[in-house]
Amino acid sequence: MIDLQDVHKSYHIRDGMIEILKGINLSIDRGEKLGILGGNGAGKSTLIRLISGIEQPTAGTIERDMRISWPLAFTGAFQGALTGLDNIRFICRIYGVDHHNVLDFVKDFSQLGRFLREPVKIYSSGMRARLAFAVSMMIDFDCYLIDEVVAVGDARFQARCQEELFVKRADRALIIVSHDAHYLRLHCKRACVLDRGVLHHFETIGEALQFHEAIMAGPV
């Protein structure tokens, strides 16, 4: 389970402090598929970063007894001066994985060819995202975090991403941030809506989408 209790997150800005998340309470069980909706600036990506451990809450607690991925296609952890291969080895060392067991998979999946032996700093954004997704799939996580619909590479690469994530790992927990109603209905069982830092819980995707649409429409 992943359990958030009264989680707050604030940042320093020029005029003082701004609170992005306000008393978030959320639990996700093993194998559960959860969608998160919210407008721009609502705090969705901040929440995902807190769940992943990339950032820490200002207040409150986050307990994890599952192995949680970083946000899929997140490239912020790569060391630009290192080659793609060196980054793969480094990440494997952190997670206790023998890189020899996953290297062929990453090579085949990313389709980066000789560029795996080049520094990541010369990669295009698409190349970095493809490497990041391949690296995400080489580690055996219990919960995968998806910050917006995965749309990396061409149609063939996207189809393979869908196969790896939603078919081969159908028993894993997913937390999906997306505005795509079809995507959420297809992959999630329930959803939450973030509005001005407050998380609203709904038992069905339809209820969450209706509430989100009402917020986005604003007062009549």
N, C-alpha and C. Protein backbone atom coordinates (compact mmCIF):
# COMPACT_ATOMS: atom_id res chain seq x y z
N MET A 1 0.84 -1.20 0.00
CA MET A 1 0.00 0.00 0.00
C MET A 1 0.87 1.25 0.00
N ILE A 2 0.35 2.29 -0.65
CA ILE A 2 0.93 3.63 -0.55
C ILE A 2 -0.08 4.47 0.24
N ASP A 3 0.37 5.11 1.30
CA ASP A 3 -0.55 5.81 2.19
C ASP A 3 -0.05 7.22 2.48
N LEU A 4 -0.83 8.21 2.07
CA LEU A 4 -0.52 9.61 2.33
C LEU A 4 -1.47 10.12 3.40
N GLN A 5 -0.90 10.70 4.46
CA GLN A 5 -1.70 11.22 5.56
C GLN A 5 -1.39 12.70 5.78
N ASP A 6 -2.42 13.55 5.55
CA ASP A 6 -2.35 14.99 5.79
C ASP A 6 -1.09 15.61 5.19
N VAL A 7 -0.86 15.31 3.92
CA VAL A 7 0.35 15.78 3.23
C VAL A 7 0.17 17.20 2.71
N HIS A 8 1.13 18.05 3.04
CA HIS A 8 1.18 19.43 2.55
C HIS A 8 2.49 19.62 1.79
N LYS A 9 2.45 20.50 0.79
CA LYS A 9 3.68 20.86 0.08
C LYS A 9 3.65 22.33 -0.25
N SER A 10 4.69 23.04 0.22
CA SER A 10 4.82 24.48 -0.03
C SER A 10 6.18 24.76 -0.67
N TYR A 11 6.24 25.84 -1.43
CA TYR A 11 7.48 26.28 -2.05
C TYR A 11 7.73 27.74 -1.71
N HIS A 12 9.02 28.07 -1.63
CA HIS A 12 9.38 29.47 -1.46
C HIS A 12 9.29 30.18 -2.81
N ILE A 13 8.64 31.33 -2.84
CA ILE A 13 8.62 32.19 -4.01
C ILE A 13 9.08 33.57 -3.59
N ARG A 14 9.18 34.49 -4.55
CA ARG A 14 9.70 35.83 -4.26
C ARG A 14 8.92 36.52 -3.14
N ASP A 15 7.61 36.31 -3.10
CA ASP A 15 6.77 37.00 -2.12
C ASP A 15 6.57 36.21 -0.82
N GLY A 16 7.25 35.08 -0.68
CA GLY A 16 7.10 34.30 0.54
C GLY A 16 6.90 32.82 0.25
N MET A 17 5.86 32.22 0.80
CA MET A 17 5.57 30.81 0.61
C MET A 17 4.24 30.63 -0.12
N ILE A 18 4.20 29.61 -0.99
CA ILE A 18 2.94 29.25 -1.64
C ILE A 18 2.67 27.78 -1.38
N GLU A 19 1.46 27.47 -0.94
CA GLU A 19 1.09 26.09 -0.62
C GLU A 19 0.44 25.45 -1.85
N ILE A 20 1.04 24.41 -2.36
CA ILE A 20 0.56 23.74 -3.56
C ILE A 20 -0.39 22.60 -3.22
N LEU A 21 -0.07 21.82 -2.19
CA LEU A 21 -0.92 20.71 -1.75
C LEU A 21 -1.35 20.95 -0.31
N LYS A 22 -2.65 20.71 -0.05
CA LYS A 22 -3.23 21.09 1.24
C LYS A 22 -3.92 19.89 1.88
N GLY A 23 -3.23 19.23 2.78
CA GLY A 23 -3.83 18.15 3.55
C GLY A 23 -4.30 16.97 2.74
N ILE A 24 -3.42 16.42 1.90
CA ILE A 24 -3.77 15.31 1.02
C ILE A 24 -3.82 14.00 1.82
N ASN A 25 -4.93 13.28 1.68
CA ASN A 25 -5.07 11.93 2.23
C ASN A 25 -5.40 10.99 1.07
N LEU A 26 -4.61 9.94 0.92
CA LEU A 26 -4.79 9.05 -0.22
C LEU A 26 -4.15 7.70 0.07
N SER A 27 -4.85 6.62 -0.29
CA SER A 27 -4.31 5.27 -0.17
C SER A 27 -4.47 4.54 -1.49
N ILE A 28 -3.43 3.83 -1.90
CA ILE A 28 -3.45 3.03 -3.12
C ILE A 28 -2.99 1.62 -2.77
N ASP A 29 -3.82 0.63 -3.08
CA ASP A 29 -3.49 -0.76 -2.80
C ASP A 29 -2.72 -1.39 -3.96
N ARG A 30 -2.12 -2.52 -3.70
CA ARG A 30 -1.42 -3.26 -4.75
C ARG A 30 -2.39 -3.62 -5.88
N GLY A 31 -1.96 -3.39 -7.09
CA GLY A 31 -2.76 -3.71 -8.25
C GLY A 31 -3.84 -2.70 -8.60
N GLU A 32 -4.01 -1.68 -7.78
CA GLU A 32 -5.08 -0.71 -8.03
C GLU A 32 -4.68 0.28 -9.12
N LYS A 33 -5.70 0.71 -9.90
CA LYS A 33 -5.48 1.68 -10.97
C LYS A 33 -6.23 2.97 -10.62
N LEU A 34 -5.48 4.04 -10.38
CA LEU A 34 -6.05 5.31 -9.94
C LEU A 34 -5.75 6.41 -10.94
N GLY A 35 -6.77 7.16 -11.32
CA GLY A 35 -6.59 8.33 -12.17
C GLY A 35 -6.62 9.60 -11.34
N ILE A 36 -5.83 10.58 -11.75
CA ILE A 36 -5.81 11.89 -11.08
C ILE A 36 -6.04 12.96 -12.13
N LEU A 37 -7.08 13.77 -11.91
CA LEU A 37 -7.44 14.86 -12.79
C LEU A 37 -7.19 16.19 -12.09
N GLY A 38 -7.08 17.26 -12.89
CA GLY A 38 -6.91 18.59 -12.32
C GLY A 38 -6.44 19.56 -13.38
N GLY A 39 -6.77 20.81 -13.20
CA GLY A 39 -6.36 21.83 -14.15
C GLY A 39 -4.87 22.16 -14.03
N ASN A 40 -4.38 23.02 -14.91
CA ASN A 40 -2.99 23.44 -14.86
C ASN A 40 -2.72 24.14 -13.53
N GLY A 41 -1.62 23.75 -12.88
CA GLY A 41 -1.26 24.37 -11.61
C GLY A 41 -2.00 23.83 -10.41
N ALA A 42 -2.79 22.77 -10.60
CA ALA A 42 -3.56 22.21 -9.48
C ALA A 42 -2.69 21.44 -8.50
N GLY A 43 -1.51 21.01 -8.93
CA GLY A 43 -0.60 20.26 -8.06
C GLY A 43 -0.42 18.81 -8.42
N LYS A 44 -0.90 18.40 -9.61
CA LYS A 44 -0.84 16.98 -9.99
C LYS A 44 0.60 16.46 -10.08
N SER A 45 1.44 17.17 -10.80
CA SER A 45 2.82 16.72 -10.96
C SER A 45 3.57 16.77 -9.64
N THR A 46 3.26 17.75 -8.81
CA THR A 46 3.86 17.81 -7.48
C THR A 46 3.49 16.58 -6.67
N LEU A 47 2.22 16.20 -6.72
CA LEU A 47 1.76 15.01 -6.00
C LEU A 47 2.49 13.76 -6.49
N ILE A 48 2.64 13.62 -7.78
CA ILE A 48 3.34 12.47 -8.35
C ILE A 48 4.79 12.44 -7.88
N ARG A 49 5.44 13.60 -7.86
CA ARG A 49 6.84 13.64 -7.41
C ARG A 49 6.96 13.26 -5.94
N LEU A 50 5.98 13.66 -5.12
CA LEU A 50 6.01 13.29 -3.71
C LEU A 50 5.82 11.78 -3.53
N ILE A 51 4.87 11.22 -4.28
CA ILE A 51 4.63 9.78 -4.18
C ILE A 51 5.87 8.98 -4.59
N SER A 52 6.55 9.47 -5.62
CA SER A 52 7.74 8.76 -6.12
C SER A 52 8.93 8.91 -5.20
N GLY A 53 8.93 9.97 -4.36
CA GLY A 53 10.07 10.22 -3.50
C GLY A 53 11.07 11.19 -4.08
N ILE A 54 10.80 11.71 -5.28
CA ILE A 54 11.69 12.71 -5.88
C ILE A 54 11.74 13.96 -5.01
N GLU A 55 10.60 14.32 -4.41
CA GLU A 55 10.53 15.42 -3.46
C GLU A 55 9.92 14.93 -2.16
N GLN A 56 10.11 15.69 -1.10
CA GLN A 56 9.58 15.37 0.21
C GLN A 56 8.47 16.35 0.59
N PRO A 57 7.47 15.91 1.35
CA PRO A 57 6.40 16.82 1.76
C PRO A 57 6.90 17.84 2.78
N THR A 58 6.24 18.99 2.79
CA THR A 58 6.54 20.00 3.80
C THR A 58 6.02 19.54 5.16
N ALA A 59 4.87 18.87 5.16
CA ALA A 59 4.28 18.31 6.37
C ALA A 59 3.48 17.08 5.99
N GLY A 60 3.18 16.25 6.99
CA GLY A 60 2.45 15.01 6.73
C GLY A 60 3.38 13.84 6.48
N THR A 61 2.79 12.67 6.25
CA THR A 61 3.59 11.46 6.08
C THR A 61 3.20 10.71 4.81
N ILE A 62 4.18 10.04 4.22
CA ILE A 62 3.94 9.16 3.07
C ILE A 62 4.61 7.82 3.39
N GLU A 63 3.80 6.77 3.48
CA GLU A 63 4.31 5.43 3.75
C GLU A 63 4.17 4.58 2.49
N ARG A 64 5.21 3.83 2.20
CA ARG A 64 5.24 2.99 1.00
C ARG A 64 5.71 1.59 1.36
N ASP A 65 4.93 0.58 0.99
CA ASP A 65 5.44 -0.79 1.10
C ASP A 65 5.43 -1.45 -0.27
N MET A 66 5.45 -0.60 -1.30
CA MET A 66 5.58 -1.06 -2.68
C MET A 66 6.79 -0.39 -3.31
N ARG A 67 7.36 -1.05 -4.29
CA ARG A 67 8.45 -0.46 -5.06
C ARG A 67 7.82 0.43 -6.13
N ILE A 68 8.10 1.73 -6.06
CA ILE A 68 7.41 2.71 -6.89
C ILE A 68 8.36 3.26 -7.95
N SER A 69 7.87 3.36 -9.17
CA SER A 69 8.68 3.91 -10.25
C SER A 69 8.82 5.42 -10.10
N TRP A 70 9.78 5.98 -10.80
CA TRP A 70 9.77 7.41 -11.04
C TRP A 70 8.71 7.68 -12.10
N PRO A 71 8.27 8.93 -12.30
CA PRO A 71 7.30 9.20 -13.38
C PRO A 71 7.84 8.69 -14.72
N LEU A 72 7.05 7.90 -15.43
CA LEU A 72 7.52 7.31 -16.69
C LEU A 72 7.96 8.41 -17.65
N ALA A 73 9.06 8.12 -18.35
CA ALA A 73 9.70 9.04 -19.29
C ALA A 73 10.31 10.24 -18.59
N PHE A 74 10.44 10.21 -17.23
CA PHE A 74 11.12 11.27 -16.49
C PHE A 74 12.61 11.18 -16.78
N THR A 75 13.21 12.28 -17.23
CA THR A 75 14.62 12.26 -17.63
C THR A 75 15.52 13.04 -16.68
N GLY A 76 14.94 13.58 -15.61
CA GLY A 76 15.70 14.45 -14.72
C GLY A 76 16.80 13.74 -13.95
N ALA A 77 16.74 12.42 -13.85
CA ALA A 77 17.74 11.68 -13.07
C ALA A 77 18.97 11.31 -13.90
N PHE A 78 18.93 11.52 -15.21
CA PHE A 78 20.08 11.16 -16.04
C PHE A 78 21.23 12.14 -15.81
N GLN A 79 22.46 11.60 -15.80
CA GLN A 79 23.65 12.42 -15.76
C GLN A 79 24.10 12.67 -17.19
N GLY A 80 23.99 13.93 -17.61
CA GLY A 80 24.22 14.27 -19.02
C GLY A 80 25.61 13.97 -19.53
N ALA A 81 26.61 14.02 -18.67
CA ALA A 81 27.98 13.77 -19.12
C ALA A 81 28.25 12.29 -19.33
N LEU A 82 27.42 11.43 -18.74
CA LEU A 82 27.58 9.99 -18.91
C LEU A 82 26.87 9.51 -20.17
N THR A 83 27.32 8.41 -20.72
CA THR A 83 26.64 7.82 -21.87
C THR A 83 25.34 7.18 -21.42
N GLY A 84 24.51 6.84 -22.38
CA GLY A 84 23.28 6.11 -22.07
C GLY A 84 23.59 4.82 -21.35
N LEU A 85 24.61 4.09 -21.80
CA LEU A 85 24.98 2.83 -21.17
C LEU A 85 25.44 3.03 -19.74
N ASP A 86 26.22 4.09 -19.51
CA ASP A 86 26.69 4.35 -18.15
C ASP A 86 25.54 4.72 -17.23
N ASN A 87 24.57 5.46 -17.74
CA ASN A 87 23.40 5.79 -16.93
C ASN A 87 22.61 4.52 -16.59
N ILE A 88 22.49 3.62 -17.55
CA ILE A 88 21.80 2.34 -17.30
C ILE A 88 22.51 1.57 -16.19
N ARG A 89 23.83 1.47 -16.27
CA ARG A 89 24.60 0.75 -15.26
C ARG A 89 24.44 1.38 -13.89
N PHE A 90 24.46 2.71 -13.84
CA PHE A 90 24.34 3.42 -12.57
C PHE A 90 22.97 3.17 -11.93
N ILE A 91 21.90 3.26 -12.73
CA ILE A 91 20.55 3.04 -12.20
C ILE A 91 20.39 1.59 -11.75
N CYS A 92 20.94 0.65 -12.50
CA CYS A 92 20.89 -0.76 -12.10
C CYS A 92 21.58 -0.96 -10.75
N ARG A 93 22.70 -0.28 -10.55
CA ARG A 93 23.43 -0.43 -9.29
C ARG A 93 22.58 0.07 -8.12
N ILE A 94 21.87 1.18 -8.32
CA ILE A 94 21.01 1.75 -7.27
C ILE A 94 19.92 0.76 -6.87
N TYR A 95 19.33 0.09 -7.88
CA TYR A 95 18.19 -0.81 -7.62
C TYR A 95 18.60 -2.27 -7.43
N GLY A 96 19.90 -2.53 -7.40
CA GLY A 96 20.37 -3.88 -7.15
C GLY A 96 20.08 -4.84 -8.29
N VAL A 97 20.12 -4.34 -9.53
CA VAL A 97 19.86 -5.15 -10.71
C VAL A 97 21.15 -5.35 -11.49
N ASP A 98 21.41 -6.56 -11.93
CA ASP A 98 22.57 -6.84 -12.76
C ASP A 98 22.32 -6.28 -14.15
N HIS A 99 23.11 -5.29 -14.55
CA HIS A 99 22.85 -4.62 -15.84
C HIS A 99 23.00 -5.58 -17.02
N HIS A 100 23.78 -6.64 -16.85
CA HIS A 100 23.92 -7.61 -17.94
C HIS A 100 22.58 -8.29 -18.27
N ASN A 101 21.71 -8.37 -17.27
CA ASN A 101 20.41 -9.05 -17.46
C ASN A 101 19.38 -8.18 -18.17
N VAL A 102 19.61 -6.88 -18.23
CA VAL A 102 18.60 -5.98 -18.80
C VAL A 102 19.10 -5.20 -20.01
N LEU A 103 20.40 -5.27 -20.26
CA LEU A 103 20.97 -4.42 -21.31
C LEU A 103 20.39 -4.71 -22.68
N ASP A 104 20.24 -5.97 -23.02
CA ASP A 104 19.68 -6.32 -24.33
C ASP A 104 18.25 -5.80 -24.47
N PHE A 105 17.48 -5.89 -23.37
CA PHE A 105 16.11 -5.37 -23.40
C PHE A 105 16.10 -3.87 -23.67
N VAL A 106 16.93 -3.10 -22.96
CA VAL A 106 16.96 -1.65 -23.14
C VAL A 106 17.42 -1.27 -24.54
N LYS A 107 18.42 -1.98 -25.04
CA LYS A 107 18.90 -1.71 -26.40
C LYS A 107 17.79 -1.93 -27.42
N ASP A 108 17.10 -3.05 -27.29
CA ASP A 108 16.04 -3.39 -28.24
C ASP A 108 14.85 -2.45 -28.09
N PHE A 109 14.49 -2.14 -26.84
CA PHE A 109 13.30 -1.33 -26.59
C PHE A 109 13.50 0.12 -27.00
N SER A 110 14.63 0.70 -26.62
CA SER A 110 14.87 2.13 -26.88
C SER A 110 15.18 2.42 -28.34
N GLN A 111 15.76 1.43 -29.05
CA GLN A 111 16.13 1.60 -30.46
C GLN A 111 17.07 2.80 -30.65
N LEU A 112 17.97 3.00 -29.68
CA LEU A 112 18.91 4.13 -29.78
C LEU A 112 20.23 3.74 -30.44
N GLY A 113 20.44 2.45 -30.65
CA GLY A 113 21.62 2.00 -31.39
C GLY A 113 22.92 2.54 -30.82
N ARG A 114 23.76 3.08 -31.71
CA ARG A 114 25.09 3.56 -31.29
C ARG A 114 25.03 4.74 -30.35
N PHE A 115 23.86 5.43 -30.30
CA PHE A 115 23.76 6.59 -29.42
C PHE A 115 23.80 6.20 -27.95
N LEU A 116 23.58 4.94 -27.63
CA LEU A 116 23.70 4.51 -26.24
C LEU A 116 25.13 4.68 -25.73
N ARG A 117 26.09 4.76 -26.64
CA ARG A 117 27.49 4.95 -26.26
C ARG A 117 27.90 6.42 -26.30
N GLU A 118 26.92 7.30 -26.50
CA GLU A 118 27.18 8.74 -26.53
C GLU A 118 26.63 9.40 -25.27
N PRO A 119 27.20 10.57 -24.89
CA PRO A 119 26.69 11.27 -23.70
C PRO A 119 25.22 11.64 -23.86
N VAL A 120 24.45 11.48 -22.79
CA VAL A 120 23.02 11.77 -22.82
C VAL A 120 22.76 13.24 -23.13
N LYS A 121 23.71 14.12 -22.81
CA LYS A 121 23.52 15.55 -23.04
C LYS A 121 23.36 15.91 -24.52
N ILE A 122 23.78 15.01 -25.42
CA ILE A 122 23.60 15.31 -26.85
C ILE A 122 22.29 14.74 -27.38
N TYR A 123 21.55 14.00 -26.57
CA TYR A 123 20.30 13.39 -27.00
C TYR A 123 19.23 14.46 -27.23
N SER A 124 18.36 14.21 -28.19
CA SER A 124 17.15 15.02 -28.32
C SER A 124 16.21 14.68 -27.18
N SER A 125 15.19 15.50 -26.98
CA SER A 125 14.22 15.24 -25.91
C SER A 125 13.52 13.89 -26.14
N GLY A 126 13.24 13.56 -27.42
CA GLY A 126 12.60 12.29 -27.73
C GLY A 126 13.49 11.10 -27.42
N MET A 127 14.78 11.24 -27.71
CA MET A 127 15.72 10.15 -27.42
C MET A 127 15.85 9.94 -25.91
N ARG A 128 15.90 11.03 -25.17
CA ARG A 128 16.00 10.92 -23.70
C ARG A 128 14.73 10.25 -23.14
N ALA A 129 13.58 10.62 -23.69
CA ALA A 129 12.32 10.04 -23.21
C ALA A 129 12.25 8.55 -23.53
N ARG A 130 12.73 8.15 -24.71
CA ARG A 130 12.73 6.73 -25.08
C ARG A 130 13.64 5.94 -24.15
N LEU A 131 14.81 6.50 -23.86
CA LEU A 131 15.72 5.83 -22.93
C LEU A 131 15.08 5.73 -21.55
N ALA A 132 14.44 6.81 -21.10
CA ALA A 132 13.82 6.82 -19.78
C ALA A 132 12.71 5.79 -19.67
N PHE A 133 11.90 5.67 -20.72
CA PHE A 133 10.81 4.68 -20.68
C PHE A 133 11.39 3.27 -20.66
N ALA A 134 12.41 3.04 -21.48
CA ALA A 134 13.03 1.71 -21.51
C ALA A 134 13.63 1.36 -20.15
N VAL A 135 14.29 2.34 -19.52
CA VAL A 135 14.89 2.12 -18.21
C VAL A 135 13.80 1.85 -17.17
N SER A 136 12.65 2.56 -17.29
CA SER A 136 11.54 2.33 -16.37
C SER A 136 11.03 0.90 -16.47
N MET A 137 11.03 0.35 -17.67
CA MET A 137 10.54 -1.01 -17.87
C MET A 137 11.56 -2.08 -17.48
N MET A 138 12.83 -1.69 -17.34
CA MET A 138 13.84 -2.70 -17.01
C MET A 138 13.86 -3.01 -15.52
N ILE A 139 13.25 -2.14 -14.69
CA ILE A 139 13.18 -2.37 -13.26
C ILE A 139 11.80 -2.93 -12.93
N ASP A 140 11.75 -3.91 -12.05
CA ASP A 140 10.48 -4.55 -11.70
C ASP A 140 9.81 -3.78 -10.56
N PHE A 141 8.92 -2.83 -10.92
CA PHE A 141 8.22 -2.02 -9.93
C PHE A 141 6.85 -2.62 -9.60
N ASP A 142 6.36 -2.32 -8.39
CA ASP A 142 5.02 -2.72 -7.99
C ASP A 142 3.98 -1.69 -8.39
N CYS A 143 4.41 -0.42 -8.54
CA CYS A 143 3.51 0.67 -8.89
C CYS A 143 4.20 1.58 -9.88
N TYR A 144 3.49 1.89 -10.98
CA TYR A 144 4.04 2.76 -12.00
C TYR A 144 3.31 4.10 -12.00
N LEU A 145 4.08 5.18 -12.10
CA LEU A 145 3.54 6.53 -12.10
C LEU A 145 3.58 7.08 -13.52
N ILE A 146 2.44 7.55 -13.99
CA ILE A 146 2.33 8.08 -15.35
C ILE A 146 1.83 9.52 -15.27
N ASP A 147 2.71 10.46 -15.55
CA ASP A 147 2.36 11.88 -15.51
C ASP A 147 2.02 12.32 -16.93
N GLU A 148 0.75 12.30 -17.24
CA GLU A 148 0.18 12.54 -18.57
C GLU A 148 0.37 11.32 -19.46
N VAL A 149 -0.44 11.23 -20.51
CA VAL A 149 -0.44 10.07 -21.40
C VAL A 149 0.94 9.85 -22.00
N VAL A 150 1.38 8.60 -21.96
CA VAL A 150 2.68 8.27 -22.53
C VAL A 150 2.59 8.35 -24.05
N ALA A 151 3.31 9.33 -24.63
CA ALA A 151 3.27 9.52 -26.09
C ALA A 151 4.68 9.78 -26.58
N VAL A 152 5.53 8.78 -26.43
CA VAL A 152 6.94 8.89 -26.78
C VAL A 152 7.20 8.15 -28.08
N GLY A 153 7.92 8.80 -29.00
CA GLY A 153 8.32 8.13 -30.22
C GLY A 153 7.18 7.95 -31.22
N ASP A 154 7.42 7.08 -32.21
CA ASP A 154 6.45 6.87 -33.27
C ASP A 154 5.36 5.89 -32.82
N ALA A 155 4.42 5.61 -33.73
CA ALA A 155 3.27 4.75 -33.39
C ALA A 155 3.72 3.36 -32.95
N ARG A 156 4.76 2.82 -33.60
CA ARG A 156 5.25 1.48 -33.24
C ARG A 156 5.80 1.49 -31.82
N PHE A 157 6.59 2.51 -31.49
CA PHE A 157 7.16 2.58 -30.14
C PHE A 157 6.06 2.76 -29.10
N GLN A 158 5.07 3.60 -29.40
CA GLN A 158 3.96 3.81 -28.47
C GLN A 158 3.18 2.52 -28.24
N ALA A 159 2.98 1.75 -29.31
CA ALA A 159 2.26 0.47 -29.17
C ALA A 159 3.04 -0.48 -28.27
N ARG A 160 4.34 -0.47 -28.39
CA ARG A 160 5.15 -1.34 -27.54
C ARG A 160 5.11 -0.87 -26.09
N CYS A 161 5.09 0.44 -25.89
CA CYS A 161 4.96 0.98 -24.53
C CYS A 161 3.65 0.50 -23.89
N GLN A 162 2.58 0.57 -24.66
CA GLN A 162 1.28 0.13 -24.16
C GLN A 162 1.31 -1.36 -23.81
N GLU A 163 1.95 -2.16 -24.65
CA GLU A 163 2.05 -3.60 -24.41
C GLU A 163 2.82 -3.89 -23.12
N GLU A 164 3.97 -3.24 -22.97
CA GLU A 164 4.81 -3.48 -21.80
C GLU A 164 4.11 -3.06 -20.51
N LEU A 165 3.43 -1.91 -20.55
CA LEU A 165 2.88 -1.35 -19.33
C LEU A 165 1.52 -1.93 -18.96
N PHE A 166 0.61 -2.00 -19.94
CA PHE A 166 -0.78 -2.35 -19.62
C PHE A 166 -1.12 -3.83 -19.84
N VAL A 167 -0.30 -4.55 -20.57
CA VAL A 167 -0.56 -5.98 -20.80
C VAL A 167 0.38 -6.83 -19.93
N LYS A 168 1.68 -6.65 -20.11
CA LYS A 168 2.64 -7.46 -19.37
C LYS A 168 2.66 -7.15 -17.88
N ARG A 169 2.25 -5.92 -17.53
CA ARG A 169 2.25 -5.51 -16.12
C ARG A 169 0.84 -5.18 -15.65
N ALA A 170 -0.12 -5.95 -16.14
CA ALA A 170 -1.54 -5.70 -15.83
C ALA A 170 -1.84 -5.88 -14.34
N ASP A 171 -1.00 -6.62 -13.63
CA ASP A 171 -1.25 -6.86 -12.21
C ASP A 171 -0.63 -5.79 -11.31
N ARG A 172 0.05 -4.79 -11.89
CA ARG A 172 0.72 -3.77 -11.10
C ARG A 172 -0.21 -2.59 -10.84
N ALA A 173 0.09 -1.86 -9.78
CA ALA A 173 -0.66 -0.64 -9.49
C ALA A 173 -0.23 0.46 -10.47
N LEU A 174 -1.19 1.31 -10.82
CA LEU A 174 -0.92 2.45 -11.70
C LEU A 174 -1.52 3.70 -11.09
N ILE A 175 -0.79 4.80 -11.14
CA ILE A 175 -1.32 6.11 -10.81
C ILE A 175 -1.12 6.97 -12.05
N ILE A 176 -2.23 7.37 -12.66
CA ILE A 176 -2.19 8.04 -13.95
C ILE A 176 -2.73 9.47 -13.84
N VAL A 177 -1.90 10.43 -14.20
CA VAL A 177 -2.33 11.82 -14.32
C VAL A 177 -2.64 12.08 -15.79
N SER A 178 -3.86 12.48 -16.08
CA SER A 178 -4.23 12.69 -17.48
C SER A 178 -5.50 13.51 -17.59
N HIS A 179 -5.62 14.24 -18.71
CA HIS A 179 -6.86 14.94 -19.05
C HIS A 179 -7.69 14.13 -20.06
N ASP A 180 -7.15 12.99 -20.48
CA ASP A 180 -7.77 12.19 -21.53
C ASP A 180 -8.82 11.26 -20.91
N ALA A 181 -10.10 11.59 -21.10
CA ALA A 181 -11.19 10.82 -20.49
C ALA A 181 -11.17 9.37 -20.96
N HIS A 182 -10.95 9.14 -22.25
CA HIS A 182 -10.93 7.78 -22.78
C HIS A 182 -9.81 6.97 -22.15
N TYR A 183 -8.65 7.57 -22.02
CA TYR A 183 -7.47 6.90 -21.44
C TYR A 183 -7.75 6.49 -20.00
N LEU A 184 -8.37 7.38 -19.23
CA LEU A 184 -8.67 7.07 -17.83
C LEU A 184 -9.74 5.99 -17.71
N ARG A 185 -10.78 6.08 -18.53
CA ARG A 185 -11.84 5.05 -18.49
C ARG A 185 -11.27 3.68 -18.87
N LEU A 186 -10.31 3.67 -19.77
CA LEU A 186 -9.74 2.42 -20.26
C LEU A 186 -8.85 1.75 -19.22
N HIS A 187 -8.12 2.55 -18.42
CA HIS A 187 -7.10 1.97 -17.58
C HIS A 187 -7.33 2.09 -16.08
N CYS A 188 -8.29 2.92 -15.64
CA CYS A 188 -8.47 3.17 -14.21
C CYS A 188 -9.82 2.69 -13.70
N LYS A 189 -9.87 2.35 -12.41
CA LYS A 189 -11.12 1.93 -11.77
C LYS A 189 -11.76 3.07 -11.00
N ARG A 190 -10.95 3.98 -10.47
CA ARG A 190 -11.48 5.14 -9.75
C ARG A 190 -10.56 6.33 -10.00
N ALA A 191 -11.01 7.51 -9.55
CA ALA A 191 -10.22 8.70 -9.83
C ALA A 191 -10.40 9.74 -8.73
N CYS A 192 -9.42 10.64 -8.67
CA CYS A 192 -9.46 11.78 -7.76
C CYS A 192 -9.29 13.05 -8.60
N VAL A 193 -9.74 14.16 -8.06
CA VAL A 193 -9.59 15.45 -8.73
C VAL A 193 -8.89 16.41 -7.78
N LEU A 194 -7.79 17.00 -8.26
CA LEU A 194 -7.09 18.03 -7.50
C LEU A 194 -7.62 19.39 -7.93
N ASP A 195 -8.06 20.17 -6.97
CA ASP A 195 -8.55 21.52 -7.25
C ASP A 195 -7.99 22.47 -6.20
N ARG A 196 -7.10 23.35 -6.66
CA ARG A 196 -6.46 24.34 -5.78
C ARG A 196 -5.83 23.68 -4.55
N GLY A 197 -5.16 22.57 -4.81
CA GLY A 197 -4.39 21.89 -3.77
C GLY A 197 -5.16 20.93 -2.91
N VAL A 198 -6.48 20.82 -3.12
CA VAL A 198 -7.33 19.93 -2.33
C VAL A 198 -7.71 18.73 -3.19
N LEU A 199 -7.57 17.52 -2.62
CA LEU A 199 -7.86 16.30 -3.37
C LEU A 199 -9.27 15.82 -3.06
N HIS A 200 -10.10 15.67 -4.12
CA HIS A 200 -11.48 15.18 -4.00
C HIS A 200 -11.53 13.75 -4.51
N HIS A 201 -12.14 12.84 -3.75
CA HIS A 201 -12.18 11.42 -4.07
C HIS A 201 -13.53 11.03 -4.69
N PHE A 202 -13.47 10.14 -5.70
CA PHE A 202 -14.67 9.64 -6.36
C PHE A 202 -14.52 8.14 -6.60
N GLU A 203 -15.62 7.45 -6.48
CA GLU A 203 -15.60 6.00 -6.65
C GLU A 203 -15.58 5.57 -8.11
N THR A 204 -16.05 6.44 -9.01
CA THR A 204 -16.07 6.09 -10.43
C THR A 204 -15.38 7.17 -11.25
N ILE A 205 -14.90 6.75 -12.42
CA ILE A 205 -14.26 7.69 -13.33
C ILE A 205 -15.27 8.74 -13.81
N GLY A 206 -16.50 8.29 -14.07
CA GLY A 206 -17.53 9.20 -14.57
C GLY A 206 -17.81 10.34 -13.61
N GLU A 207 -17.91 10.05 -12.31
CA GLU A 207 -18.16 11.09 -11.32
C GLU A 207 -17.00 12.08 -11.25
N ALA A 208 -15.79 11.55 -11.32
CA ALA A 208 -14.61 12.41 -11.28
C ALA A 208 -14.55 13.32 -12.50
N LEU A 209 -14.83 12.76 -13.68
CA LEU A 209 -14.80 13.55 -14.91
C LEU A 209 -15.87 14.65 -14.88
N GLN A 210 -17.03 14.32 -14.38
CA GLN A 210 -18.11 15.30 -14.29
C GLN A 210 -17.72 16.46 -13.36
N PHE A 211 -17.13 16.12 -12.21
CA PHE A 211 -16.70 17.15 -11.27
C PHE A 211 -15.60 18.01 -11.88
N HIS A 212 -14.65 17.36 -12.55
CA HIS A 212 -13.54 18.09 -13.18
C HIS A 212 -14.04 19.03 -14.26
N GLU A 213 -14.97 18.55 -15.07
CA GLU A 213 -15.53 19.39 -16.14
C GLU A 213 -16.25 20.61 -15.58
N ALA A 214 -16.95 20.42 -14.45
CA ALA A 214 -17.64 21.53 -13.80
C ALA A 214 -16.64 22.57 -13.30
N ILE A 215 -15.53 22.12 -12.75
CA ILE A 215 -14.49 23.04 -12.29
C ILE A 215 -13.90 23.82 -13.44
N MET A 216 -13.59 23.10 -14.52
CA MET A 216 -12.95 23.75 -15.68
C MET A 216 -13.91 24.74 -16.35
N ALA A 217 -15.22 24.46 -16.30
CA ALA A 217 -16.19 25.37 -16.91
C ALA A 217 -16.31 26.65 -16.10
N GLY A 218 -16.07 26.56 -14.79
CA GLY A 218 -16.14 27.74 -13.94
C GLY A 218 -17.58 28.14 -13.65
N PRO A 219 -17.75 29.22 -12.87
CA PRO A 219 -19.11 29.67 -12.53
C PRO A 219 -19.86 30.16 -13.75
N VAL A 220 -21.14 29.84 -13.80
CA VAL A 220 -21.99 30.26 -14.92
C VAL A 220 -22.38 31.71 -14.75
